[in-house]
Amino acid sequence: MRQLPYLAAVGAVAVLLTIPSPAGAERFRIGRLLCFSEPRVGLVLGSTQSLRCVFDGVRPARRYIYEGRIRRVGLDLGVTSAGTLSWAVFARTSRIGAGTLRGSYVGASGNFALGPGLGANVLIGGSRRSIMLQPISIERSIGLNLAAGVTHLTLGPRGPR
C-alpha cells in the first residue's frame, strides 16, 4: 500500500515521456519561464491555480511578466502550499517579444507530494502552437497530494499588482 503513491508518480512521468513533440519543427531555446503558484486544494476531479510568471529570454536578454491560470482535470487528491514551476522554453523562431508566450497550452501532468513534492508537466501551445514548454518541467511544492491528468495553462499579459 505504501508503494501506491510512488507507482502512481512513476506512471505519470512515464506517460509524460511518451508524448511526442510536434513533427518536423526545428526548435530554438529562447529562455526560461518561472511561475509561482498559489496554494492548491485537489477536488478529486481537478484543480485550478493562479500563477505569476517571469520569462527570461536568452538572446537578447529580456524579462517579461505574465499572469497565468493552470487547470488540471483528472485525479487530484490533497492539498499543497504555494509552489514553483520552471520550464525551458522552445520556439520555432529565436525572435521574442513582450507577448511571445501569450496563449493556451495543453498537455499532461503528474504530481506527487508527501511533505516536499515534485511534479512534471508537458505543455505545447502559444501563438499558433509554436511554443513548447520544456518536455518535462519541475514543479516544487509542500503538502500531501497525488495528481495525474490533462493540464491546461493560459498565459496573458501582466495584470494589476
Protein backbone atom coordinates (compact mmCIF):
# COMPACT_ATOMS: atom_id res chain seq x y z
CA MET A 1 0.00 0.00 0.00
CA ARG A 2 2.91 2.34 0.73
CA GLN A 3 4.14 1.89 -2.84
CA LEU A 4 0.90 3.09 -4.46
CA PRO A 5 1.76 6.85 -4.46
CA TYR A 6 5.28 6.08 -5.70
CA LEU A 7 3.97 3.87 -8.52
CA ALA A 8 1.38 6.50 -9.49
CA ALA A 9 4.08 9.19 -9.72
CA VAL A 10 6.37 6.94 -11.78
CA GLY A 11 3.45 6.06 -14.06
CA ALA A 12 2.58 9.74 -14.60
CA VAL A 13 6.18 10.58 -15.51
CA ALA A 14 6.30 7.60 -17.90
CA VAL A 15 3.17 8.87 -19.66
CA LEU A 16 4.71 12.32 -19.93
CA LEU A 17 7.86 10.95 -21.55
CA THR A 18 5.90 9.15 -24.27
CA ILE A 19 4.15 12.27 -25.60
CA PRO A 20 5.75 13.16 -28.94
CA SER A 21 6.86 16.68 -29.81
CA PRO A 22 5.44 18.36 -32.95
CA ALA A 23 6.94 16.69 -36.02
CA GLY A 24 9.28 18.38 -38.45
CA ALA A 25 9.83 21.59 -36.50
CA GLU A 26 13.31 22.74 -35.53
CA ARG A 27 13.19 24.36 -32.11
CA PHE A 28 15.27 27.16 -30.62
CA ARG A 29 15.73 27.52 -26.86
CA ILE A 30 14.55 31.09 -26.29
CA GLY A 31 14.60 31.27 -22.49
CA ARG A 32 13.16 30.13 -19.20
CA LEU A 33 9.67 30.53 -17.74
CA LEU A 34 9.38 30.53 -13.94
CA CYS A 35 5.87 30.54 -12.45
CA PHE A 36 4.86 30.99 -8.83
CA SER A 37 1.59 29.33 -7.82
CA GLU A 38 -0.92 29.82 -5.04
CA PRO A 39 -1.84 27.04 -2.60
CA ARG A 40 -3.97 24.30 -4.20
CA VAL A 41 -6.71 22.02 -2.97
CA GLY A 42 -7.30 18.95 -5.13
CA LEU A 43 -11.01 18.44 -5.80
CA VAL A 44 -10.80 14.75 -6.80
CA LEU A 45 -11.59 15.50 -10.46
CA GLY A 46 -9.34 18.54 -10.88
CA SER A 47 -7.99 21.83 -9.59
CA THR A 48 -7.28 25.43 -10.61
CA GLN A 49 -4.38 27.70 -9.62
CA SER A 50 -3.46 31.29 -10.40
CA LEU A 51 0.13 31.91 -11.46
CA ARG A 52 2.51 34.86 -11.62
CA CYS A 53 5.17 34.07 -14.24
CA VAL A 54 8.51 35.58 -15.26
CA PHE A 55 10.03 34.81 -18.68
CA ASP A 56 13.76 35.42 -19.03
CA GLY A 57 14.84 35.48 -22.69
CA VAL A 58 18.25 34.19 -23.72
CA ARG A 59 19.11 36.33 -26.79
CA PRO A 60 18.51 39.17 -26.32
CA ALA A 61 18.48 39.05 -22.54
CA ARG A 62 14.99 40.35 -21.72
CA ARG A 63 12.46 39.81 -18.97
CA TYR A 64 8.67 39.68 -19.44
CA ILE A 65 5.98 39.20 -16.78
CA TYR A 66 2.82 37.11 -17.39
CA GLU A 67 -0.30 36.25 -15.41
CA GLY A 68 -1.47 32.69 -15.75
CA ARG A 69 -4.00 30.10 -14.72
CA ILE A 70 -3.37 26.38 -14.69
CA ARG A 71 -6.27 23.92 -14.66
CA ARG A 72 -5.91 20.21 -14.16
CA VAL A 73 -8.58 17.63 -14.99
CA GLY A 74 -8.11 14.08 -13.76
CA LEU A 75 -7.13 12.56 -10.44
CA ASP A 76 -6.18 15.31 -7.96
CA LEU A 77 -6.33 14.47 -4.28
CA GLY A 78 -4.84 16.53 -1.47
CA VAL A 79 -3.54 19.96 -0.53
CA THR A 80 -0.29 21.74 -1.46
CA SER A 81 1.27 25.03 -0.45
CA ALA A 82 2.33 27.74 -2.86
CA GLY A 83 4.84 26.28 -5.31
CA THR A 84 7.16 26.98 -8.21
CA LEU A 85 7.01 25.66 -11.78
CA SER A 86 10.03 26.03 -14.07
CA TRP A 87 10.24 25.39 -17.83
CA ALA A 88 12.85 25.77 -20.54
CA VAL A 89 11.03 27.48 -23.45
CA PHE A 90 11.48 26.37 -27.06
CA ALA A 91 10.06 28.06 -30.18
CA ARG A 92 10.18 27.76 -33.98
CA THR A 93 11.90 31.14 -34.16
CA SER A 94 14.54 32.78 -32.00
CA ARG A 95 12.74 36.15 -32.04
CA ILE A 96 10.96 37.04 -28.81
CA GLY A 97 8.82 39.93 -27.67
CA ALA A 98 6.53 41.00 -24.84
CA GLY A 99 3.65 38.75 -25.96
CA THR A 100 5.61 35.78 -27.31
CA LEU A 101 4.30 33.32 -24.71
CA ARG A 102 0.71 34.62 -24.57
CA GLY A 103 -1.87 31.92 -25.31
CA SER A 104 -3.12 28.49 -24.27
CA TYR A 105 -1.03 25.41 -23.64
CA VAL A 106 -2.34 21.86 -23.27
CA GLY A 107 -0.65 18.66 -22.21
CA ALA A 108 -0.28 16.10 -19.45
CA SER A 109 0.91 16.43 -15.87
CA GLY A 110 1.69 14.36 -12.82
CA ASN A 111 2.44 15.47 -9.26
CA PHE A 112 3.25 13.75 -6.00
CA ALA A 113 3.80 15.35 -2.58
CA LEU A 114 4.27 13.75 0.80
CA GLY A 115 5.83 16.72 2.55
CA PRO A 116 8.15 18.03 -0.19
CA GLY A 117 6.65 17.35 -3.61
CA LEU A 118 7.66 17.13 -7.26
CA GLY A 119 5.70 17.25 -10.47
CA ALA A 120 6.15 17.14 -14.23
CA ASN A 121 4.21 18.92 -16.99
CA VAL A 122 4.42 18.54 -20.78
CA LEU A 123 2.73 21.50 -22.49
CA ILE A 124 2.52 22.69 -26.12
CA GLY A 125 0.71 25.77 -27.40
CA GLY A 126 1.04 29.52 -27.52
CA SER A 127 0.60 31.54 -30.67
CA ARG A 128 -0.20 29.08 -33.49
CA ARG A 129 1.09 26.20 -31.33
CA SER A 130 4.62 27.49 -31.97
CA ILE A 131 5.88 27.43 -28.36
CA MET A 132 6.83 24.33 -26.41
CA LEU A 133 7.37 24.49 -22.67
CA GLN A 134 10.21 22.05 -21.91
CA PRO A 135 9.23 18.43 -22.31
CA ILE A 136 9.45 17.99 -18.55
CA SER A 137 9.04 20.86 -16.13
CA ILE A 138 9.85 20.65 -12.47
CA GLU A 139 7.17 21.66 -10.01
CA ARG A 140 8.13 22.10 -6.37
CA SER A 141 5.65 22.36 -3.51
CA ILE A 142 4.98 21.15 0.02
CA GLY A 143 1.87 19.23 1.01
CA LEU A 144 0.05 15.93 0.72
CA ASN A 145 -1.08 15.40 -2.86
CA LEU A 146 -1.37 12.92 -5.74
CA ALA A 147 -2.39 14.22 -9.17
CA ALA A 148 -2.30 12.96 -12.77
CA GLY A 149 -4.27 14.13 -15.76
CA VAL A 150 -4.71 16.69 -18.51
CA THR A 151 -3.39 20.19 -17.90
CA HIS A 152 -4.45 23.48 -19.48
CA LEU A 153 -2.26 26.57 -18.94
CA THR A 154 -3.31 30.05 -20.05
CA LEU A 155 -0.76 32.87 -20.13
CA GLY A 156 -1.66 36.52 -20.64
CA PRO A 157 -0.12 39.94 -20.07
CA ARG A 158 0.64 41.00 -16.52
CA GLY A 159 -2.38 42.21 -14.61
CA PRO A 160 -2.54 44.91 -11.93
CA ARG A 161 -0.27 44.31 -8.94
